[in-house]
């Protein structure tokens, strides 16, 4: 029942990504896996950087508009 290398019964081809996600879920590290995969993707990295810049710009705008500095 338990295969030592956790391969599905149908063979090894095409299941490596699913096995990695399954292992991440089992080890309760899905969030870390998601961030690492997003950072490795060029469009994901651009999205994260753009979101961070826009969020920082919004925070600066709110601080200046409310006169906190």
C-alpha atoms as a PDB file:
ATOM      1  CA  UNK A   1       0.000   0.000   0.000  1.00  0.00           C
ATOM      2  CA  UNK A   2       2.733   2.491   0.902  1.00  0.00           C
ATOM      3  CA  UNK A   3       5.124   3.027  -1.973  1.00  0.00           C
ATOM      4  CA  UNK A   4       8.537   4.144  -0.668  1.00  0.00           C
ATOM      5  CA  UNK A   5       8.950   6.932  -3.204  1.00  0.00           C
ATOM      6  CA  UNK A   6       5.281   8.043  -3.098  1.00  0.00           C
ATOM      7  CA  UNK A   7       4.574   7.435  -6.785  1.00  0.00           C
ATOM      8  CA  UNK A   8       1.003   7.030  -7.970  1.00  0.00           C
ATOM      9  CA  UNK A   9       0.051   3.580  -9.286  1.00  0.00           C
ATOM     10  CA  UNK A  10      -0.101   4.656 -12.956  1.00  0.00           C
ATOM     11  CA  UNK A  11       3.595   5.456 -13.375  1.00  0.00           C
ATOM     12  CA  UNK A  12       5.985   8.302 -12.779  1.00  0.00           C
ATOM     13  CA  UNK A  13       5.472  10.536 -15.819  1.00  0.00           C
ATOM     14  CA  UNK A  14       3.519  13.740 -15.269  1.00  0.00           C
ATOM     15  CA  UNK A  15       3.098  13.319 -11.505  1.00  0.00           C
ATOM     16  CA  UNK A  16       6.215  15.020 -10.158  1.00  0.00           C
ATOM     17  CA  UNK A  17       4.474  18.379  -9.615  1.00  0.00           C
ATOM     18  CA  UNK A  18       1.481  16.794  -7.931  1.00  0.00           C
ATOM     19  CA  UNK A  19       3.754  14.753  -5.693  1.00  0.00           C
ATOM     20  CA  UNK A  20       5.565  17.940  -4.640  1.00  0.00           C
ATOM     21  CA  UNK A  21       2.283  19.700  -3.799  1.00  0.00           C
ATOM     22  CA  UNK A  22       1.032  16.641  -1.932  1.00  0.00           C
ATOM     23  CA  UNK A  23       4.234  16.501   0.095  1.00  0.00           C
ATOM     24  CA  UNK A  24       3.962  20.246   0.843  1.00  0.00           C
ATOM     25  CA  UNK A  25       0.399  19.784   2.101  1.00  0.00           C
ATOM     26  CA  UNK A  26       1.408  16.802   4.221  1.00  0.00           C
ATOM     27  CA  UNK A  27       4.262  18.739   5.806  1.00  0.00           C
ATOM     28  CA  UNK A  28       2.053  21.817   6.322  1.00  0.00           C
ATOM     29  CA  UNK A  29       4.295  24.066   4.234  1.00  0.00           C
ATOM     30  CA  UNK A  30       1.929  24.923   1.393  1.00  0.00           C
ATOM     31  CA  UNK A  31       2.255  28.684   1.933  1.00  0.00           C
ATOM     32  CA  UNK A  32       6.030  28.516   1.705  1.00  0.00           C
ATOM     33  CA  UNK A  33       5.752  26.370  -1.415  1.00  0.00           C
ATOM     34  CA  UNK A  34       3.344  28.858  -3.012  1.00  0.00           C
ATOM     35  CA  UNK A  35       5.566  31.880  -2.285  1.00  0.00           C
ATOM     36  CA  UNK A  36       8.664  30.118  -3.620  1.00  0.00           C
ATOM     37  CA  UNK A  37       6.903  29.016  -6.808  1.00  0.00           C
ATOM     38  CA  UNK A  38       5.467  32.507  -7.335  1.00  0.00           C
ATOM     39  CA  UNK A  39       8.866  34.141  -6.800  1.00  0.00           C
ATOM     40  CA  UNK A  40      10.472  31.720  -9.295  1.00  0.00           C
ATOM     41  CA  UNK A  41       7.943  32.652 -12.001  1.00  0.00           C
ATOM     42  CA  UNK A  42       8.914  35.882 -13.857  1.00  0.00           C
ATOM     43  CA  UNK A  43       5.326  37.135 -14.090  1.00  0.00           C
ATOM     44  CA  UNK A  44       4.646  36.172 -10.481  1.00  0.00           C
ATOM     45  CA  UNK A  45       7.750  38.029  -9.332  1.00  0.00           C
ATOM     46  CA  UNK A  46       6.665  41.098 -11.292  1.00  0.00           C
ATOM     47  CA  UNK A  47       3.193  40.890  -9.751  1.00  0.00           C
ATOM     48  CA  UNK A  48       4.550  40.633  -6.214  1.00  0.00           C
ATOM     49  CA  UNK A  49       6.916  43.554  -6.733  1.00  0.00           C
ATOM     50  CA  UNK A  50       4.181  45.667  -8.332  1.00  0.00           C
ATOM     51  CA  UNK A  51       1.776  44.871  -5.503  1.00  0.00           C
ATOM     52  CA  UNK A  52       4.426  45.794  -2.917  1.00  0.00           C
ATOM     53  CA  UNK A  53       5.228  49.095  -4.631  1.00  0.00           C
ATOM     54  CA  UNK A  54       1.553  50.034  -4.974  1.00  0.00           C
ATOM     55  CA  UNK A  55       0.840  49.104  -1.353  1.00  0.00           C
ATOM     56  CA  UNK A  56       3.827  51.136  -0.160  1.00  0.00           C
ATOM     57  CA  UNK A  57       2.717  54.107  -2.291  1.00  0.00           C
ATOM     58  CA  UNK A  58      -0.765  53.871  -0.784  1.00  0.00           C
ATOM     59  CA  UNK A  59       0.650  53.804   2.754  1.00  0.00           C
ATOM     60  CA  UNK A  60       2.822  56.857   2.044  1.00  0.00           C
ATOM     61  CA  UNK A  61      -0.198  58.667   0.582  1.00  0.00           C
ATOM     62  CA  UNK A  62      -2.349  57.906   3.639  1.00  0.00           C
ATOM     63  CA  UNK A  63       0.404  58.992   6.045  1.00  0.00           C
ATOM     64  CA  UNK A  64       0.945  62.287   4.199  1.00  0.00           C
ATOM     65  CA  UNK A  65      -2.781  62.962   3.657  1.00  0.00           C
ATOM     66  CA  UNK A  66      -3.616  62.403   7.318  1.00  0.00           C
ATOM     67  CA  UNK A  67      -0.705  64.600   8.403  1.00  0.00           C
ATOM     68  CA  UNK A  68       0.993  61.945  10.486  1.00  0.00           C
ATOM     69  CA  UNK A  69       4.442  63.268   9.541  1.00  0.00           C
END
